[in-house]
Protein backbone atom coordinates (compact mmCIF):
# COMPACT_ATOMS: atom_id res chain seq x y z
CA MET A 1 1.23 -19.19 8.97
CA ASN A 2 -0.94 -21.69 7.09
CA GLN A 3 -4.00 -19.69 8.15
CA LEU A 4 -2.74 -16.58 6.37
CA ARG A 5 -4.27 -16.82 2.92
CA TYR A 6 -4.09 -13.12 2.08
CA ILE A 7 -1.25 -10.84 3.23
CA ALA A 8 -1.23 -7.13 2.35
CA ILE A 9 1.84 -4.89 2.57
CA GLU A 10 1.44 -1.14 3.08
CA GLY A 11 3.48 1.97 3.70
CA PRO A 12 4.62 5.21 2.07
CA ILE A 13 5.97 5.61 -1.43
CA GLY A 14 9.41 4.01 -1.83
CA VAL A 15 9.38 2.04 1.42
CA GLY A 16 9.86 -1.34 -0.30
CA LYS A 17 6.37 -2.83 -0.58
CA THR A 18 6.69 -4.39 -4.02
CA THR A 19 10.14 -5.86 -3.39
CA LEU A 20 8.92 -7.49 -0.18
CA ALA A 21 5.76 -8.77 -1.89
CA HIS A 22 7.85 -10.56 -4.51
CA ARG A 23 10.13 -12.08 -1.89
CA LEU A 24 7.25 -13.28 0.29
CA GLY A 25 5.47 -14.60 -2.78
CA GLU A 26 8.50 -16.74 -3.61
CA THR A 27 8.99 -17.90 -0.01
CA LEU A 28 5.34 -18.76 0.57
CA SER A 29 4.60 -20.04 -2.95
CA ALA A 30 1.92 -17.35 -3.16
CA GLU A 31 0.40 -15.34 -5.97
CA VAL A 32 1.68 -11.74 -6.01
CA PHE A 33 -1.00 -9.09 -6.57
CA LEU A 34 0.48 -5.69 -7.38
CA GLU A 35 -0.66 -2.10 -7.39
CA LYS A 36 -0.05 -0.44 -10.76
CA PRO A 37 0.55 3.29 -10.24
CA GLN A 38 2.31 3.52 -13.60
CA GLU A 39 -1.07 2.84 -15.26
CA ASN A 40 -2.59 5.98 -13.75
CA PRO A 41 -2.35 8.58 -16.57
CA PHE A 42 -2.78 11.46 -14.11
CA LEU A 43 -0.16 10.55 -11.50
CA GLU A 44 2.77 12.43 -13.02
CA LYS A 45 0.50 15.40 -13.72
CA PHE A 46 -0.64 15.31 -10.08
CA TYR A 47 2.95 15.52 -8.80
CA ASN A 48 3.51 18.49 -11.14
CA GLU A 49 0.21 20.29 -10.39
CA PRO A 50 -1.42 18.75 -7.29
CA ARG A 51 -4.41 21.06 -7.01
CA ARG A 52 -5.36 20.70 -10.65
CA TYR A 53 -5.04 16.94 -11.03
CA ALA A 54 -5.79 15.54 -7.56
CA LEU A 55 -9.38 14.55 -8.33
CA ALA A 56 -8.53 12.97 -11.68
CA ALA A 57 -5.68 10.97 -10.12
CA GLN A 58 -7.83 9.74 -7.22
CA LEU A 59 -10.74 8.74 -9.46
CA SER A 60 -8.36 6.89 -11.76
CA PHE A 61 -7.02 4.92 -8.80
CA LEU A 62 -10.59 4.27 -7.62
CA VAL A 63 -11.57 2.78 -10.99
CA GLN A 64 -8.40 0.67 -10.93
CA ARG A 65 -9.34 -0.68 -7.49
CA ALA A 66 -12.86 -1.54 -8.66
CA GLN A 67 -11.38 -3.46 -11.60
CA GLN A 68 -9.03 -5.32 -9.26
CA VAL A 69 -11.92 -6.30 -6.98
CA ASP A 70 -13.81 -7.60 -10.02
CA GLN A 71 -10.72 -9.58 -10.99
CA LEU A 72 -10.64 -11.16 -7.54
CA ARG A 73 -14.33 -12.01 -7.68
CA GLN A 74 -14.05 -13.63 -11.11
CA GLY A 75 -10.88 -15.55 -10.42
CA ASP A 76 -9.62 -17.87 -7.73
CA LEU A 77 -6.67 -15.83 -6.52
CA PHE A 78 -7.09 -16.84 -2.89
CA ALA A 79 -7.44 -20.57 -3.59
CA ASN A 80 -3.85 -20.95 -2.42
CA ARG A 81 -2.27 -17.80 -1.00
CA CYS A 82 -1.88 -14.20 -2.09
CA VAL A 83 0.55 -11.40 -1.19
CA ALA A 84 -0.44 -7.87 -2.28
CA ASP A 85 1.70 -4.73 -2.20
CA PHE A 86 -1.26 -2.53 -1.27
CA LEU A 87 -4.35 -2.37 0.91
CA PHE A 88 -7.65 -1.54 -0.78
CA ASP A 89 -8.46 1.00 1.95
CA LYS A 90 -5.46 3.14 0.98
CA ASP A 91 -7.33 5.01 -1.74
CA ARG A 92 -9.59 6.77 0.71
CA LEU A 93 -6.58 7.71 2.83
CA PHE A 94 -5.02 9.47 -0.15
CA ALA A 95 -8.36 11.00 -1.12
CA ARG A 96 -8.65 12.62 2.31
CA LEU A 97 -5.10 13.87 1.97
CA ASN A 98 -5.43 15.27 -1.54
CA LEU A 99 -9.08 16.36 -1.88
CA GLN A 100 -11.30 18.77 -0.03
CA GLY A 101 -14.75 20.31 -0.17
CA ALA A 102 -16.89 19.48 -3.20
CA GLU A 103 -14.19 17.28 -4.75
CA MET A 104 -14.06 15.05 -1.66
CA ASP A 105 -17.87 14.90 -1.65
CA LEU A 106 -17.84 13.82 -5.30
CA TYR A 107 -15.20 11.17 -4.61
CA ASP A 108 -17.24 9.80 -1.70
CA ASP A 109 -20.41 9.73 -3.79
CA ILE A 110 -18.72 7.76 -6.57
CA PHE A 111 -17.09 5.47 -4.01
CA ARG A 112 -20.47 4.64 -2.44
CA ARG A 113 -22.17 4.08 -5.80
CA MET A 114 -19.54 1.57 -6.84
CA ALA A 115 -20.60 -0.46 -3.80
CA TRP A 116 -17.51 -2.61 -3.92
CA GLN A 117 -16.68 -5.14 -1.24
CA ALA A 118 -12.93 -5.47 -1.10
CA PRO A 119 -11.54 -8.61 0.54
CA ARG A 120 -10.06 -8.18 3.99
CA PRO A 121 -6.48 -9.43 4.46
CA ASP A 122 -5.61 -11.93 7.18
CA CYS A 123 -2.52 -9.88 7.99
CA VAL A 124 -1.16 -6.44 7.11
CA ILE A 125 2.55 -5.65 7.12
CA TYR A 126 3.07 -1.90 7.59
CA LEU A 127 6.51 -0.68 6.53
CA HIS A 128 7.73 2.75 7.61
CA ALA A 129 10.96 4.74 7.34
CA PRO A 130 12.14 8.33 7.84
CA VAL A 131 11.14 10.76 5.11
CA GLU A 132 14.76 11.41 4.09
CA VAL A 133 15.27 7.66 3.57
CA LEU A 134 12.09 7.41 1.49
CA MET A 135 13.15 10.33 -0.68
CA GLN A 136 16.58 8.78 -1.25
CA ARG A 137 14.95 5.54 -2.40
CA VAL A 138 12.53 7.34 -4.69
CA ARG A 139 15.38 9.28 -6.31
CA LYS A 140 17.45 6.11 -6.66
CA ARG A 141 14.77 4.18 -8.54
CA ASN A 142 14.27 7.25 -10.76
CA ARG A 143 10.72 6.63 -12.00
CA HIS A 144 9.65 9.27 -14.48
CA GLU A 145 6.24 9.84 -12.88
CA GLU A 146 7.85 10.48 -9.46
CA LEU A 147 10.47 13.04 -10.48
CA ASN A 148 8.49 15.96 -9.02
CA LEU A 149 7.39 14.24 -5.83
CA THR A 150 8.27 16.65 -3.02
CA GLU A 151 9.57 16.04 0.48
CA ASP A 152 6.63 17.98 1.94
CA TYR A 153 4.16 15.66 0.23
CA MET A 154 6.11 12.59 1.34
CA LEU A 155 5.92 13.87 4.92
CA GLN A 156 2.14 14.24 4.63
CA VAL A 157 1.85 10.72 3.24
CA SER A 158 3.99 9.28 6.05
CA GLN A 159 1.97 11.07 8.72
CA THR A 160 -1.29 9.87 7.17
CA TYR A 161 -0.11 6.27 7.30
CA GLN A 162 1.13 6.65 10.88
CA ALA A 163 -2.22 8.02 12.02
CA TYR A 164 -4.15 5.29 10.19
CA PHE A 165 -2.15 2.35 11.50
CA SER A 166 -1.96 3.74 15.04
CA GLN A 167 -5.68 2.95 15.22
CA TYR A 168 -5.81 -0.08 12.91
CA ARG A 169 -7.65 -3.02 14.49
CA GLU A 170 -9.14 -4.78 11.45
CA THR A 171 -6.77 -7.74 11.42
CA GLN A 172 -3.28 -8.81 12.48
CA LEU A 173 -0.78 -5.98 12.03
CA ILE A 174 3.00 -6.29 11.79
CA VAL A 175 4.81 -2.94 11.98
CA VAL A 176 8.33 -2.94 10.52
CA ASN A 177 10.92 -0.17 10.62
CA ALA A 178 12.20 -0.54 7.06
CA ASP A 179 15.19 1.69 7.82
CA SER A 180 16.65 -0.47 10.59
CA HIS A 181 15.40 -3.79 9.13
CA ASP A 182 16.71 -4.84 5.73
CA LEU A 183 14.12 -7.33 4.48
CA VAL A 184 15.94 -7.80 1.17
CA SER A 185 19.59 -8.42 2.07
CA SER A 186 19.51 -9.45 5.73
CA ARG A 187 18.65 -13.09 6.34
CA GLU A 188 18.14 -12.42 10.05
CA ASP A 189 15.72 -9.52 9.48
CA TYR A 190 13.71 -11.47 6.92
CA LYS A 191 13.60 -14.48 9.24
CA ALA A 192 12.26 -12.24 12.02
CA LEU A 193 9.42 -11.17 9.71
CA LEU A 194 8.58 -14.78 8.85
CA GLU A 195 8.54 -15.63 12.56
CA ALA A 196 6.19 -12.69 13.17
CA LEU A 197 3.87 -14.02 10.47
CA SER A 198 3.81 -17.33 12.34
CA THR A 199 2.93 -15.65 15.67
CA PRO A 200 -0.80 -15.33 16.45
CA GLN A 201 -0.65 -11.84 17.96
CA SER A 202 -2.82 -8.92 16.87
CA LEU A 203 0.09 -6.44 16.88
CA ILE A 204 3.79 -7.13 16.40
CA THR A 205 6.47 -4.46 16.07
CA LEU A 206 9.88 -5.12 14.53
């Protein structure tokens, strides 16, 4: 595990990424680097009117990612160890899901012109759960910007992640069923994840 300097956690909305990032950060004495969807001024509008606000929401996230990459370049975040609750590549996944035609072309053009070089994690933890479980968790946390998030959209997001990680070969991947594994309350489940992080295999499924 000492070779894992940068761990990224990914998965659909409400699957438990941020909670796990904080717990791993405490366990591993690591910096915690968080996505900040609440700072996107178009996110709530996107959930209310997807067609109208999709491009604005995606470009806002893209600018946020560029700022985060600059922060990493200027600082020394990886001097010790870092756990992030997102993967930089996720923005293009959501762009493909939410944009089409000329809007997708514009997004790609801006993406290329930014010419960012996001750091690659040493390990990615992919959390997944059934859509009904994700929706229950989203409703329970009751975030204002997510009130109009629909089950149909959650299904599309889940399927997009499944397709992406079914072909993911960039680095070590740990796939965790976050419905059957309680990484917050179960000591045994959390211990199994830590053991997986210590195992030098390219793909581990829990």
